[in-house]
């Protein structure tokens, strides 16, 4: 599986959410709504989720292992750097 496109929408303001990203895999599958968040220990990605109760969110899509999450995260951060 390869990332074939990344679209980054940078956000302005005081929000912890710094960007919203769409990632295309193998030119045939797109995941929209990945948030890039500024946390206490640095930037991280949050996969698309939906609220199922007052305080519980459920990921709609997510990587099944840490290596894939890191590959997605590194690719998103590189795409953000290119926009600077």
PDB file of N, CA and C in Angstrom:
ATOM      1  N   UNK A   1       0.844  -1.172   0.000  1.00  0.00           N
ATOM      2  CA  UNK A   1       0.000   0.000   0.000  1.00  0.00           C
ATOM      3  C   UNK A   1       0.890   1.237   0.000  1.00  0.00           C
ATOM      4  N   UNK A   2       0.581   2.149  -0.908  1.00  0.00           N
ATOM      5  CA  UNK A   2       1.363   3.376  -0.997  1.00  0.00           C
ATOM      6  C   UNK A   2       0.443   4.581  -0.970  1.00  0.00           C
ATOM      7  N   UNK A   3       0.955   5.652  -0.381  1.00  0.00           N
ATOM      8  CA  UNK A   3       0.248   6.929  -0.427  1.00  0.00           C
ATOM      9  C   UNK A   3       0.556   7.548  -1.785  1.00  0.00           C
ATOM     10  N   UNK A   4      -0.499   7.860  -2.535  1.00  0.00           N
ATOM     11  CA  UNK A   4      -0.303   8.414  -3.870  1.00  0.00           C
ATOM     12  C   UNK A   4      -0.685   9.888  -3.969  1.00  0.00           C
ATOM     13  N   UNK A   5      -1.361  10.440  -2.959  1.00  0.00           N
ATOM     14  CA  UNK A   5      -1.682  11.864  -2.950  1.00  0.00           C
ATOM     15  C   UNK A   5      -2.036  12.295  -1.541  1.00  0.00           C
ATOM     16  N   UNK A   6      -1.662  13.528  -1.225  1.00  0.00           N
ATOM     17  CA  UNK A   6      -2.027  14.126   0.054  1.00  0.00           C
ATOM     18  C   UNK A   6      -2.483  15.553  -0.220  1.00  0.00           C
ATOM     19  N   UNK A   7      -3.672  15.900   0.279  1.00  0.00           N
ATOM     20  CA  UNK A   7      -4.174  17.264   0.180  1.00  0.00           C
ATOM     21  C   UNK A   7      -4.278  17.815   1.592  1.00  0.00           C
ATOM     22  N   UNK A   8      -3.600  18.949   1.828  1.00  0.00           N
ATOM     23  CA  UNK A   8      -3.545  19.559   3.155  1.00  0.00           C
ATOM     24  C   UNK A   8      -4.253  20.901   3.114  1.00  0.00           C
ATOM     25  N   UNK A   9      -5.173  21.120   4.050  1.00  0.00           N
ATOM     26  CA  UNK A   9      -5.787  22.432   4.234  1.00  0.00           C
ATOM     27  C   UNK A   9      -5.321  22.947   5.594  1.00  0.00           C
ATOM     28  N   UNK A  10      -4.414  23.927   5.545  1.00  0.00           N
ATOM     29  CA  UNK A  10      -3.897  24.517   6.774  1.00  0.00           C
ATOM     30  C   UNK A  10      -4.976  25.401   7.394  1.00  0.00           C
ATOM     31  N   UNK A  11      -5.065  25.392   8.726  1.00  0.00           N
ATOM     32  CA  UNK A  11      -6.039  26.201   9.446  1.00  0.00           C
ATOM     33  C   UNK A  11      -5.326  27.286  10.234  1.00  0.00           C
ATOM     34  N   UNK A  12      -5.927  28.448  10.290  1.00  0.00           N
ATOM     35  CA  UNK A  12      -5.375  29.564  11.062  1.00  0.00           C
ATOM     36  C   UNK A  12      -6.096  29.645  12.399  1.00  0.00           C
ATOM     37  N   UNK A  13      -5.549  30.435  13.293  1.00  0.00           N
ATOM     38  CA  UNK A  13      -6.225  30.687  14.557  1.00  0.00           C
ATOM     39  C   UNK A  13      -5.575  29.982  15.724  1.00  0.00           C
ATOM     40  N   UNK A  14      -6.271  30.050  16.835  1.00  0.00           N
ATOM     41  CA  UNK A  14      -5.760  29.541  18.104  1.00  0.00           C
ATOM     42  C   UNK A  14      -6.114  28.075  18.363  1.00  0.00           C
ATOM     43  N   UNK A  15      -6.844  27.457  17.466  1.00  0.00           N
ATOM     44  CA  UNK A  15      -7.257  26.069  17.652  1.00  0.00           C
ATOM     45  C   UNK A  15      -6.048  25.137  17.690  1.00  0.00           C
ATOM     46  N   UNK A  16      -6.178  24.050  18.428  1.00  0.00           N
ATOM     47  CA  UNK A  16      -5.128  23.024  18.441  1.00  0.00           C
ATOM     48  C   UNK A  16      -5.080  22.262  17.125  1.00  0.00           C
ATOM     49  N   UNK A  17      -6.181  22.276  16.365  1.00  0.00           N
ATOM     50  CA  UNK A  17      -6.200  21.629  15.056  1.00  0.00           C
ATOM     51  C   UNK A  17      -5.498  22.556  14.066  1.00  0.00           C
ATOM     52  N   UNK A  18      -4.381  22.102  13.516  1.00  0.00           N
ATOM     53  CA  UNK A  18      -3.555  22.934  12.648  1.00  0.00           C
ATOM     54  C   UNK A  18      -3.823  22.689  11.167  1.00  0.00           C
ATOM     55  N   UNK A  19      -4.374  21.512  10.818  1.00  0.00           N
ATOM     56  CA  UNK A  19      -4.659  21.201   9.423  1.00  0.00           C
ATOM     57  C   UNK A  19      -5.683  20.072   9.351  1.00  0.00           C
ATOM     58  N   UNK A  20      -6.382  20.034   8.207  1.00  0.00           N
ATOM     59  CA  UNK A  20      -7.270  18.926   7.882  1.00  0.00           C
ATOM     60  C   UNK A  20      -6.737  18.335   6.581  1.00  0.00           C
ATOM     61  N   UNK A  21      -6.630  17.012   6.543  1.00  0.00           N
ATOM     62  CA  UNK A  21      -5.906  16.350   5.463  1.00  0.00           C
ATOM     63  C   UNK A  21      -6.761  15.245   4.836  1.00  0.00           C
ATOM     64  N   UNK A  22      -6.584  15.073   3.509  1.00  0.00           N
ATOM     65  CA  UNK A  22      -7.140  13.922   2.792  1.00  0.00           C
ATOM     66  C   UNK A  22      -5.961  13.143   2.215  1.00  0.00           C
ATOM     67  N   UNK A  23      -5.943  11.837   2.437  1.00  0.00           N
ATOM     68  CA  UNK A  23      -4.854  10.982   1.963  1.00  0.00           C
ATOM     69  C   UNK A  23      -5.425   9.935   1.001  1.00  0.00           C
ATOM     70  N   UNK A  24      -4.799   9.831  -0.175  1.00  0.00           N
ATOM     71  CA  UNK A  24      -5.196   8.828  -1.168  1.00  0.00           C
ATOM     72  C   UNK A  24      -4.189   7.680  -1.138  1.00  0.00           C
ATOM     73  N   UNK A  25      -4.704   6.455  -1.118  1.00  0.00           N
ATOM     74  CA  UNK A  25      -3.884   5.257  -1.119  1.00  0.00           C
ATOM     75  C   UNK A  25      -4.061   4.537  -2.454  1.00  0.00           C
ATOM     76  N   UNK A  26      -2.941   4.168  -3.075  1.00  0.00           N
ATOM     77  CA  UNK A  26      -2.933   3.373  -4.312  1.00  0.00           C
ATOM     78  C   UNK A  26      -3.851   3.929  -5.406  1.00  0.00           C
ATOM     79  N   UNK A  27      -3.996   5.252  -5.451  1.00  0.00           N
ATOM     80  CA  UNK A  27      -4.844   5.919  -6.450  1.00  0.00           C
ATOM     81  C   UNK A  27      -6.282   5.408  -6.476  1.00  0.00           C
ATOM     82  N   UNK A  28      -6.738   4.762  -5.391  1.00  0.00           N
ATOM     83  CA  UNK A  28      -8.091   4.204  -5.456  1.00  0.00           C
ATOM     84  C   UNK A  28      -8.886   4.287  -4.152  1.00  0.00           C
ATOM     85  N   UNK A  29      -8.276   4.770  -3.065  1.00  0.00           N
ATOM     86  CA  UNK A  29      -8.999   4.844  -1.798  1.00  0.00           C
ATOM     87  C   UNK A  29      -8.583   6.119  -1.078  1.00  0.00           C
ATOM     88  N   UNK A  30      -9.563   6.978  -0.707  1.00  0.00           N
ATOM     89  CA  UNK A  30      -9.265   8.258  -0.067  1.00  0.00           C
ATOM     90  C   UNK A  30      -9.839   8.281   1.340  1.00  0.00           C
ATOM     91  N   UNK A  31      -9.050   8.788   2.277  1.00  0.00           N
ATOM     92  CA  UNK A  31      -9.512   9.032   3.635  1.00  0.00           C
ATOM     93  C   UNK A  31      -9.504  10.546   3.840  1.00  0.00           C
ATOM     94  N   UNK A  32     -10.699  11.128   4.011  1.00  0.00           N
ATOM     95  CA  UNK A  32     -10.852  12.555   4.268  1.00  0.00           C
ATOM     96  C   UNK A  32     -10.983  12.778   5.773  1.00  0.00           C
ATOM     97  N   UNK A  33     -10.671  13.984   6.209  1.00  0.00           N
ATOM     98  CA  UNK A  33     -10.950  14.366   7.593  1.00  0.00           C
ATOM     99  C   UNK A  33      -9.921  13.932   8.613  1.00  0.00           C
ATOM    100  N   UNK A  34      -8.674  13.737   8.194  1.00  0.00           N
ATOM    101  CA  UNK A  34      -7.609  13.457   9.155  1.00  0.00           C
ATOM    102  C   UNK A  34      -7.164  14.809   9.726  1.00  0.00           C
ATOM    103  N   UNK A  35      -7.204  14.954  11.038  1.00  0.00           N
ATOM    104  CA  UNK A  35      -6.813  16.206  11.675  1.00  0.00           C
ATOM    105  C   UNK A  35      -5.367  16.138  12.155  1.00  0.00           C
ATOM    106  N   UNK A  36      -4.644  17.241  11.959  1.00  0.00           N
ATOM    107  CA  UNK A  36      -3.305  17.382  12.525  1.00  0.00           C
ATOM    108  C   UNK A  36      -3.465  18.279  13.746  1.00  0.00           C
ATOM    109  N   UNK A  37      -3.086  17.764  14.907  1.00  0.00           N
ATOM    110  CA  UNK A  37      -3.330  18.446  16.178  1.00  0.00           C
ATOM    111  C   UNK A  37      -2.014  18.754  16.870  1.00  0.00           C
ATOM    112  N   UNK A  38      -1.935  19.956  17.444  1.00  0.00           N
ATOM    113  CA  UNK A  38      -0.775  20.359  18.248  1.00  0.00           C
ATOM    114  C   UNK A  38      -1.043  19.930  19.685  1.00  0.00           C
ATOM    115  N   UNK A  39      -0.286  18.932  20.150  1.00  0.00           N
ATOM    116  CA  UNK A  39      -0.436  18.439  21.513  1.00  0.00           C
ATOM    117  C   UNK A  39       0.690  18.925  22.397  1.00  0.00           C
ATOM    118  N   UNK A  40       0.675  18.547  23.638  1.00  0.00           N
ATOM    119  CA  UNK A  40       1.709  18.949  24.589  1.00  0.00           C
ATOM    120  C   UNK A  40       3.074  18.382  24.220  1.00  0.00           C
ATOM    121  N   UNK A  41       3.091  17.230  23.544  1.00  0.00           N
ATOM    122  CA  UNK A  41       4.357  16.599  23.165  1.00  0.00           C
ATOM    123  C   UNK A  41       4.651  16.766  21.680  1.00  0.00           C
ATOM    124  N   UNK A  42       3.952  17.676  21.002  1.00  0.00           N
ATOM    125  CA  UNK A  42       4.176  17.914  19.582  1.00  0.00           C
ATOM    126  C   UNK A  42       2.965  17.564  18.745  1.00  0.00           C
ATOM    127  N   UNK A  43       3.158  17.587  17.436  1.00  0.00           N
ATOM    128  CA  UNK A  43       2.073  17.342  16.491  1.00  0.00           C
ATOM    129  C   UNK A  43       1.769  15.852  16.389  1.00  0.00           C
ATOM    130  N   UNK A  44       0.473  15.544  16.180  1.00  0.00           N
ATOM    131  CA  UNK A  44       0.060  14.177  15.934  1.00  0.00           C
ATOM    132  C   UNK A  44      -1.174  14.197  15.044  1.00  0.00           C
ATOM    133  N   UNK A  45      -1.508  13.048  14.467  1.00  0.00           N
ATOM    134  CA  UNK A  45      -2.704  12.966  13.631  1.00  0.00           C
ATOM    135  C   UNK A  45      -3.830  12.293  14.403  1.00  0.00           C
ATOM    136  N   UNK A  46      -5.048  12.734  14.089  1.00  0.00           N
ATOM    137  CA  UNK A  46      -6.253  12.107  14.639  1.00  0.00           C
ATOM    138  C   UNK A  46      -7.084  11.649  13.447  1.00  0.00           C
ATOM    139  N   UNK A  47      -7.380  10.375  13.402  1.00  0.00           N
ATOM    140  CA  UNK A  47      -8.144   9.815  12.293  1.00  0.00           C
ATOM    141  C   UNK A  47      -9.603  10.252  12.394  1.00  0.00           C
ATOM    142  N   UNK A  48     -10.335  10.219  11.279  1.00  0.00           N
ATOM    143  CA  UNK A  48     -11.748  10.609  11.302  1.00  0.00           C
ATOM    144  C   UNK A  48     -12.519   9.751  12.313  1.00  0.00           C
ATOM    145  N   UNK A  49     -13.406  10.403  13.051  1.00  0.00           N
ATOM    146  CA  UNK A  49     -14.188   9.689  14.052  1.00  0.00           C
ATOM    147  C   UNK A  49     -15.590  10.291  14.122  1.00  0.00           C
ATOM    148  N   UNK A  50     -16.460   9.591  14.813  1.00  0.00           N
ATOM    149  CA  UNK A  50     -17.802  10.121  15.043  1.00  0.00           C
ATOM    150  C   UNK A  50     -18.149   9.953  16.514  1.00  0.00           C
ATOM    151  N   UNK A  51     -18.965  10.848  16.992  1.00  0.00           N
ATOM    152  CA  UNK A  51     -19.372  10.840  18.389  1.00  0.00           C
ATOM    153  C   UNK A  51     -20.515   9.830  18.552  1.00  0.00           C
ATOM    154  N   UNK A  52     -20.342   8.895  19.501  1.00  0.00           N
ATOM    155  CA  UNK A  52     -21.403   7.908  19.706  1.00  0.00           C
ATOM    156  C   UNK A  52     -22.145   8.122  21.033  1.00  0.00           C
ATOM    157  N   UNK A  53     -21.557   8.931  21.923  1.00  0.00           N
ATOM    158  CA  UNK A  53     -22.247   9.349  23.145  1.00  0.00           C
ATOM    159  C   UNK A  53     -21.593  10.649  23.610  1.00  0.00           C
ATOM    160  N   UNK A  54     -22.018  11.167  24.740  1.00  0.00           N
ATOM    161  CA  UNK A  54     -21.527  12.466  25.198  1.00  0.00           C
ATOM    162  C   UNK A  54     -20.009  12.578  25.261  1.00  0.00           C
ATOM    163  N   UNK A  55     -19.322  11.522  25.637  1.00  0.00           N
ATOM    164  CA  UNK A  55     -17.867  11.619  25.800  1.00  0.00           C
ATOM    165  C   UNK A  55     -17.099  10.520  25.048  1.00  0.00           C
ATOM    166  N   UNK A  56     -17.779   9.784  24.179  1.00  0.00           N
ATOM    167  CA  UNK A  56     -17.129   8.669  23.497  1.00  0.00           C
ATOM    168  C   UNK A  56     -17.121   8.920  21.994  1.00  0.00           C
ATOM    169  N   UNK A  57     -15.917   8.811  21.410  1.00  0.00           N
ATOM    170  CA  UNK A  57     -15.748   8.926  19.966  1.00  0.00           C
ATOM    171  C   UNK A  57     -15.237   7.597  19.434  1.00  0.00           C
ATOM    172  N   UNK A  58     -15.672   7.242  18.230  1.00  0.00           N
ATOM    173  CA  UNK A  58     -15.285   5.986  17.597  1.00  0.00           C
ATOM    174  C   UNK A  58     -14.619   6.298  16.265  1.00  0.00           C
ATOM    175  N   UNK A  59     -13.385   5.793  16.069  1.00  0.00           N
ATOM    176  CA  UNK A  59     -12.703   5.990  14.788  1.00  0.00           C
ATOM    177  C   UNK A  59     -13.513   5.344  13.675  1.00  0.00           C
ATOM    178  N   UNK A  60     -13.629   6.060  12.565  1.00  0.00           N
ATOM    179  CA  UNK A  60     -14.300   5.520  11.382  1.00  0.00           C
ATOM    180  C   UNK A  60     -13.320   4.662  10.596  1.00  0.00           C
ATOM    181  N   UNK A  61     -12.097   5.162  10.434  1.00  0.00           N
ATOM    182  CA  UNK A  61     -11.000   4.413   9.808  1.00  0.00           C
ATOM    183  C   UNK A  61      -9.760   4.621  10.654  1.00  0.00           C
ATOM    184  N   UNK A  62      -8.871   3.647  10.631  1.00  0.00           N
ATOM    185  CA  UNK A  62      -7.618   3.799  11.354  1.00  0.00           C
ATOM    186  C   UNK A  62      -6.633   2.731  10.910  1.00  0.00           C
ATOM    187  N   UNK A  63      -5.323   3.026  11.034  1.00  0.00           N
ATOM    188  CA  UNK A  63      -4.324   2.006  10.720  1.00  0.00           C
ATOM    189  C   UNK A  63      -4.391   0.885  11.763  1.00  0.00           C
ATOM    190  N   UNK A  64      -4.017  -0.303  11.343  1.00  0.00           N
ATOM    191  CA  UNK A  64      -4.085  -1.443  12.259  1.00  0.00           C
ATOM    192  C   UNK A  64      -2.761  -1.730  12.958  1.00  0.00           C
ATOM    193  N   UNK A  65      -1.712  -0.950  12.612  1.00  0.00           N
ATOM    194  CA  UNK A  65      -0.436  -1.145  13.304  1.00  0.00           C
ATOM    195  C   UNK A  65       0.326   0.175  13.367  1.00  0.00           C
ATOM    196  N   UNK A  66       1.307   0.228  14.244  1.00  0.00           N
ATOM    197  CA  UNK A  66       2.045   1.480  14.479  1.00  0.00           C
ATOM    198  C   UNK A  66       2.923   1.866  13.293  1.00  0.00           C
ATOM    199  N   UNK A  67       3.405   0.896  12.529  1.00  0.00           N
ATOM    200  CA  UNK A  67       4.245   1.211  11.371  1.00  0.00           C
ATOM    201  C   UNK A  67       3.444   1.969  10.310  1.00  0.00           C
ATOM    202  N   UNK A  68       2.222   1.539  10.067  1.00  0.00           N
ATOM    203  CA  UNK A  68       1.378   2.215   9.081  1.00  0.00           C
ATOM    204  C   UNK A  68       0.991   3.601   9.570  1.00  0.00           C
ATOM    205  N   UNK A  69       0.669   3.729  10.852  1.00  0.00           N
ATOM    206  CA  UNK A  69       0.348   5.055  11.410  1.00  0.00           C
ATOM    207  C   UNK A  69       1.538   5.990  11.229  1.00  0.00           C
ATOM    208  N   UNK A  70       2.746   5.524  11.506  1.00  0.00           N
ATOM    209  CA  UNK A  70       3.936   6.358  11.372  1.00  0.00           C
ATOM    210  C   UNK A  70       4.163   6.752   9.914  1.00  0.00           C
ATOM    211  N   UNK A  71       3.956   5.830   8.979  1.00  0.00           N
ATOM    212  CA  UNK A  71       4.114   6.133   7.561  1.00  0.00           C
ATOM    213  C   UNK A  71       3.138   7.227   7.132  1.00  0.00           C
ATOM    214  N   UNK A  72       1.887   7.128   7.576  1.00  0.00           N
ATOM    215  CA  UNK A  72       0.881   8.138   7.241  1.00  0.00           C
ATOM    216  C   UNK A  72       1.259   9.475   7.882  1.00  0.00           C
ATOM    217  N   UNK A  73       1.591   9.437   9.158  1.00  0.00           N
ATOM    218  CA  UNK A  73       1.955  10.657   9.887  1.00  0.00           C
ATOM    219  C   UNK A  73       3.169  11.343   9.253  1.00  0.00           C
ATOM    220  N   UNK A  74       4.216  10.595   8.968  1.00  0.00           N
ATOM    221  CA  UNK A  74       5.425  11.171   8.357  1.00  0.00           C
ATOM    222  C   UNK A  74       5.122  11.786   6.996  1.00  0.00           C
ATOM    223  N   UNK A  75       4.283  11.123   6.212  1.00  0.00           N
ATOM    224  CA  UNK A  75       3.929  11.652   4.887  1.00  0.00           C
ATOM    225  C   UNK A  75       3.126  12.940   5.005  1.00  0.00           C
ATOM    226  N   UNK A  76       2.216  12.993   5.961  1.00  0.00           N
ATOM    227  CA  UNK A  76       1.414  14.207   6.173  1.00  0.00           C
ATOM    228  C   UNK A  76       2.315  15.362   6.622  1.00  0.00           C
ATOM    229  N   UNK A  77       3.205  15.091   7.571  1.00  0.00           N
ATOM    230  CA  UNK A  77       4.086  16.149   8.065  1.00  0.00           C
ATOM    231  C   UNK A  77       5.007  16.661   6.949  1.00  0.00           C
ATOM    232  N   UNK A  78       5.475  15.773   6.083  1.00  0.00           N
ATOM    233  CA  UNK A  78       6.321  16.185   4.951  1.00  0.00           C
ATOM    234  C   UNK A  78       5.531  17.065   3.990  1.00  0.00           C
ATOM    235  N   UNK A  79       4.275  16.712   3.727  1.00  0.00           N
ATOM    236  CA  UNK A  79       3.423  17.525   2.843  1.00  0.00           C
ATOM    237  C   UNK A  79       3.168  18.899   3.458  1.00  0.00           C
ATOM    238  N   UNK A  80       3.019  18.962   4.773  1.00  0.00           N
ATOM    239  CA  UNK A  80       2.818  20.251   5.446  1.00  0.00           C
ATOM    240  C   UNK A  80       4.069  21.110   5.337  1.00  0.00           C
ATOM    241  N   UNK A  81       5.228  20.490   5.458  1.00  0.00           N
ATOM    242  CA  UNK A  81       6.507  21.235   5.341  1.00  0.00           C
ATOM    243  C   UNK A  81       6.651  21.847   3.960  1.00  0.00           C
ATOM    244  N   UNK A  82       6.213  21.135   2.931  1.00  0.00           N
ATOM    245  CA  UNK A  82       6.291  21.644   1.566  1.00  0.00           C
ATOM    246  C   UNK A  82       5.453  22.893   1.366  1.00  0.00           C
ATOM    247  N   UNK A  83       4.393  23.045   2.179  1.00  0.00           N
ATOM    248  CA  UNK A  83       3.531  24.220   2.053  1.00  0.00           C
ATOM    249  C   UNK A  83       4.120  25.460   2.718  1.00  0.00           C
ATOM    250  N   UNK A  84       5.096  25.269   3.563  1.00  0.00           N
ATOM    251  CA  UNK A  84       5.685  26.431   4.274  1.00  0.00           C
ATOM    252  C   UNK A  84       6.578  27.240   3.391  1.00  0.00           C
TER     253      UNK A  84
END
